[in-house]
Amino acid sequence: MCFAIPARIEEILPGPLPLARLQDGVEPPTCCLAYVPEAKVGDYVLVQNGFAVTCLDAAAAAASLAAFAELGGGRLRRVAVV
């Protein structure tokens, strides 16, 4: 089973593919933005297998992270929604 992890975009990296550097504590630390070209710095995205698959608001990101923490999400507990 795969999980999509919520993460905040910290920086959009230059290059032939639209890549984003994600907030500290998220694995993988970068993701491809090809599926969400409208995403910008500060937005939250759901990341699955290195691809941002959708944008979401801060409330939805916080709810997802809280659910992961309840399930014992390990490193995800270090990630906060600001």
N, C-alpha and C. Protein backbone atom coordinates (compact mmCIF):
# COMPACT_ATOMS: atom_id res chain seq x y z
N MET A 1 0.84 -1.17 0.00
CA MET A 1 0.00 0.00 0.00
C MET A 1 0.89 1.23 0.00
N CYS A 2 0.52 2.23 -0.77
CA CYS A 2 1.25 3.49 -0.82
C CYS A 2 0.47 4.58 -0.13
N PHE A 3 1.18 5.50 0.46
CA PHE A 3 0.57 6.66 1.08
C PHE A 3 1.01 7.91 0.34
N ALA A 4 0.12 8.87 0.25
CA ALA A 4 0.48 10.19 -0.25
C ALA A 4 0.73 11.07 0.97
N ILE A 5 1.90 11.66 1.03
CA ILE A 5 2.33 12.44 2.19
C ILE A 5 2.14 13.93 1.91
N PRO A 6 1.47 14.67 2.81
CA PRO A 6 1.34 16.11 2.61
C PRO A 6 2.68 16.80 2.90
N ALA A 7 3.01 17.78 2.08
CA ALA A 7 4.25 18.53 2.26
C ALA A 7 4.09 19.95 1.71
N ARG A 8 4.84 20.87 2.30
CA ARG A 8 4.83 22.27 1.85
C ARG A 8 6.01 22.50 0.91
N ILE A 9 5.76 23.19 -0.18
CA ILE A 9 6.80 23.52 -1.15
C ILE A 9 7.62 24.69 -0.61
N GLU A 10 8.93 24.49 -0.48
CA GLU A 10 9.83 25.53 0.00
C GLU A 10 10.50 26.29 -1.15
N GLU A 11 10.73 25.58 -2.26
CA GLU A 11 11.44 26.19 -3.38
C GLU A 11 11.11 25.40 -4.64
N ILE A 12 10.97 26.11 -5.75
CA ILE A 12 10.81 25.45 -7.04
C ILE A 12 12.16 25.53 -7.74
N LEU A 13 12.68 24.37 -8.12
CA LEU A 13 14.03 24.27 -8.66
C LEU A 13 14.04 24.43 -10.17
N PRO A 14 15.03 25.12 -10.70
CA PRO A 14 15.12 25.29 -12.15
C PRO A 14 15.56 23.99 -12.82
N GLY A 15 15.15 23.82 -14.05
CA GLY A 15 15.55 22.64 -14.81
C GLY A 15 14.49 22.25 -15.80
N PRO A 16 14.76 21.19 -16.57
CA PRO A 16 13.82 20.77 -17.61
C PRO A 16 12.52 20.20 -17.05
N LEU A 17 12.54 19.62 -15.85
CA LEU A 17 11.34 19.13 -15.18
C LEU A 17 11.00 20.07 -14.04
N PRO A 18 9.70 20.31 -13.80
CA PRO A 18 9.33 21.16 -12.67
C PRO A 18 9.50 20.39 -11.35
N LEU A 19 10.55 20.70 -10.61
CA LEU A 19 10.83 20.04 -9.34
C LEU A 19 10.68 21.02 -8.20
N ALA A 20 10.30 20.50 -7.03
CA ALA A 20 10.17 21.33 -5.84
C ALA A 20 10.99 20.75 -4.71
N ARG A 21 11.63 21.63 -3.93
CA ARG A 21 12.26 21.22 -2.68
C ARG A 21 11.19 21.35 -1.61
N LEU A 22 11.02 20.30 -0.81
CA LEU A 22 9.96 20.26 0.19
C LEU A 22 10.48 20.62 1.56
N GLN A 23 9.56 20.89 2.47
CA GLN A 23 9.94 21.27 3.83
C GLN A 23 10.80 20.18 4.48
N ASP A 24 11.63 20.58 5.42
CA ASP A 24 12.50 19.64 6.13
C ASP A 24 11.68 18.57 6.82
N GLY A 25 12.21 17.36 6.83
CA GLY A 25 11.57 16.25 7.52
C GLY A 25 10.69 15.40 6.62
N VAL A 26 10.51 15.80 5.37
CA VAL A 26 9.67 15.05 4.44
C VAL A 26 10.57 14.20 3.56
N GLU A 27 10.18 12.97 3.35
CA GLU A 27 10.90 12.08 2.43
C GLU A 27 9.98 11.71 1.30
N PRO A 28 10.36 11.83 0.06
CA PRO A 28 11.64 12.34 -0.42
C PRO A 28 11.71 13.86 -0.25
N PRO A 29 12.92 14.45 -0.21
CA PRO A 29 13.07 15.89 0.02
C PRO A 29 12.70 16.75 -1.19
N THR A 30 12.54 16.12 -2.35
CA THR A 30 12.10 16.83 -3.55
C THR A 30 11.00 16.02 -4.23
N CYS A 31 10.22 16.70 -5.07
CA CYS A 31 9.20 15.99 -5.84
C CYS A 31 9.02 16.67 -7.18
N CYS A 32 8.44 15.95 -8.11
CA CYS A 32 8.15 16.47 -9.44
C CYS A 32 6.77 17.14 -9.40
N LEU A 33 6.67 18.31 -10.01
CA LEU A 33 5.42 19.06 -10.03
C LEU A 33 4.68 18.96 -11.37
N ALA A 34 5.04 18.00 -12.21
CA ALA A 34 4.45 17.90 -13.55
C ALA A 34 2.93 17.76 -13.50
N TYR A 35 2.40 17.08 -12.49
CA TYR A 35 0.95 16.86 -12.41
C TYR A 35 0.21 18.06 -11.81
N VAL A 36 0.93 18.96 -11.17
CA VAL A 36 0.31 20.14 -10.54
C VAL A 36 1.08 21.41 -10.93
N PRO A 37 1.04 21.77 -12.20
CA PRO A 37 1.82 22.93 -12.66
C PRO A 37 1.40 24.24 -12.00
N GLU A 38 0.22 24.27 -11.40
CA GLU A 38 -0.24 25.49 -10.73
C GLU A 38 0.36 25.68 -9.35
N ALA A 39 1.04 24.66 -8.80
CA ALA A 39 1.62 24.74 -7.47
C ALA A 39 2.72 25.79 -7.42
N LYS A 40 2.79 26.47 -6.26
CA LYS A 40 3.81 27.50 -6.08
C LYS A 40 4.40 27.40 -4.67
N VAL A 41 5.45 28.13 -4.43
CA VAL A 41 6.12 28.13 -3.13
C VAL A 41 5.10 28.48 -2.05
N GLY A 42 5.11 27.70 -0.97
CA GLY A 42 4.18 27.90 0.13
C GLY A 42 2.94 27.04 0.06
N ASP A 43 2.65 26.47 -1.11
CA ASP A 43 1.49 25.58 -1.26
C ASP A 43 1.79 24.23 -0.63
N TYR A 44 0.73 23.53 -0.25
CA TYR A 44 0.83 22.16 0.22
C TYR A 44 0.41 21.23 -0.90
N VAL A 45 1.15 20.14 -1.05
CA VAL A 45 0.85 19.13 -2.06
C VAL A 45 0.87 17.76 -1.40
N LEU A 46 0.16 16.81 -2.01
CA LEU A 46 0.26 15.42 -1.61
C LEU A 46 1.30 14.77 -2.50
N VAL A 47 2.30 14.13 -1.89
CA VAL A 47 3.41 13.53 -2.63
C VAL A 47 3.33 12.02 -2.54
N GLN A 48 3.33 11.37 -3.69
CA GLN A 48 3.34 9.92 -3.75
C GLN A 48 4.36 9.49 -4.78
N ASN A 49 5.29 8.64 -4.35
CA ASN A 49 6.34 8.11 -5.23
C ASN A 49 7.12 9.21 -5.94
N GLY A 50 7.37 10.31 -5.23
CA GLY A 50 8.19 11.39 -5.78
C GLY A 50 7.45 12.37 -6.68
N PHE A 51 6.13 12.23 -6.80
CA PHE A 51 5.32 13.15 -7.61
C PHE A 51 4.27 13.82 -6.74
N ALA A 52 4.14 15.13 -6.88
CA ALA A 52 3.02 15.83 -6.27
C ALA A 52 1.79 15.49 -7.11
N VAL A 53 0.77 14.92 -6.47
CA VAL A 53 -0.39 14.46 -7.22
C VAL A 53 -1.58 15.40 -7.12
N THR A 54 -1.61 16.27 -6.12
CA THR A 54 -2.66 17.26 -6.00
C THR A 54 -2.23 18.34 -5.01
N CYS A 55 -2.83 19.50 -5.12
CA CYS A 55 -2.63 20.58 -4.15
C CYS A 55 -3.71 20.45 -3.08
N LEU A 56 -3.40 20.91 -1.87
CA LEU A 56 -4.40 20.93 -0.82
C LEU A 56 -4.17 22.12 0.08
N ASP A 57 -5.20 22.50 0.84
CA ASP A 57 -5.07 23.66 1.71
C ASP A 57 -4.42 23.26 3.03
N ALA A 58 -4.06 24.27 3.82
CA ALA A 58 -3.33 24.02 5.07
C ALA A 58 -4.15 23.18 6.04
N ALA A 59 -5.46 23.38 6.09
CA ALA A 59 -6.30 22.60 7.01
C ALA A 59 -6.30 21.12 6.64
N ALA A 60 -6.39 20.82 5.36
CA ALA A 60 -6.36 19.42 4.92
C ALA A 60 -5.00 18.80 5.18
N ALA A 61 -3.92 19.57 4.96
CA ALA A 61 -2.57 19.07 5.25
C ALA A 61 -2.42 18.76 6.74
N ALA A 62 -2.91 19.66 7.60
CA ALA A 62 -2.82 19.46 9.05
C ALA A 62 -3.60 18.22 9.47
N ALA A 63 -4.79 18.03 8.90
CA ALA A 63 -5.60 16.86 9.25
C ALA A 63 -4.91 15.57 8.83
N SER A 64 -4.30 15.57 7.65
CA SER A 64 -3.58 14.37 7.18
C SER A 64 -2.38 14.07 8.07
N LEU A 65 -1.62 15.09 8.41
CA LEU A 65 -0.44 14.89 9.26
C LEU A 65 -0.84 14.40 10.65
N ALA A 66 -1.97 14.91 11.17
CA ALA A 66 -2.45 14.46 12.48
C ALA A 66 -2.84 12.98 12.41
N ALA A 67 -3.46 12.57 11.34
CA ALA A 67 -3.83 11.16 11.18
C ALA A 67 -2.59 10.28 11.10
N PHE A 68 -1.57 10.72 10.36
CA PHE A 68 -0.33 9.95 10.29
C PHE A 68 0.33 9.85 11.67
N ALA A 69 0.31 10.94 12.42
CA ALA A 69 0.91 10.93 13.76
C ALA A 69 0.18 9.95 14.67
N GLU A 70 -1.15 9.91 14.58
CA GLU A 70 -1.93 8.96 15.37
C GLU A 70 -1.57 7.52 15.04
N LEU A 71 -1.26 7.27 13.78
CA LEU A 71 -0.90 5.93 13.34
C LEU A 71 0.56 5.60 13.61
N GLY A 72 1.30 6.54 14.20
CA GLY A 72 2.71 6.31 14.47
C GLY A 72 3.55 6.59 13.26
N GLY A 73 3.34 7.73 12.63
CA GLY A 73 3.97 8.09 11.38
C GLY A 73 5.45 8.37 11.43
N GLY A 74 6.15 8.04 12.51
CA GLY A 74 7.61 8.18 12.56
C GLY A 74 8.08 9.58 12.26
N ARG A 75 8.84 9.73 11.17
CA ARG A 75 9.42 11.02 10.83
C ARG A 75 8.38 12.09 10.54
N LEU A 76 7.19 11.70 10.18
CA LEU A 76 6.16 12.69 9.88
C LEU A 76 5.80 13.53 11.09
N ARG A 77 6.09 13.04 12.28
CA ARG A 77 5.76 13.81 13.48
C ARG A 77 6.60 15.09 13.55
N ARG A 78 7.73 15.13 12.85
CA ARG A 78 8.56 16.32 12.87
C ARG A 78 8.04 17.39 11.93
N VAL A 79 7.12 17.04 11.05
CA VAL A 79 6.62 17.97 10.05
C VAL A 79 5.45 18.73 10.63
N ALA A 80 5.46 20.03 10.47
CA ALA A 80 4.39 20.86 10.99
C ALA A 80 3.78 21.70 9.89
N VAL A 81 2.53 22.00 10.03
CA VAL A 81 1.85 22.90 9.10
C VAL A 81 1.92 24.30 9.68
N VAL A 82 2.43 25.23 8.89
CA VAL A 82 2.54 26.61 9.35
C VAL A 82 1.63 27.52 8.57
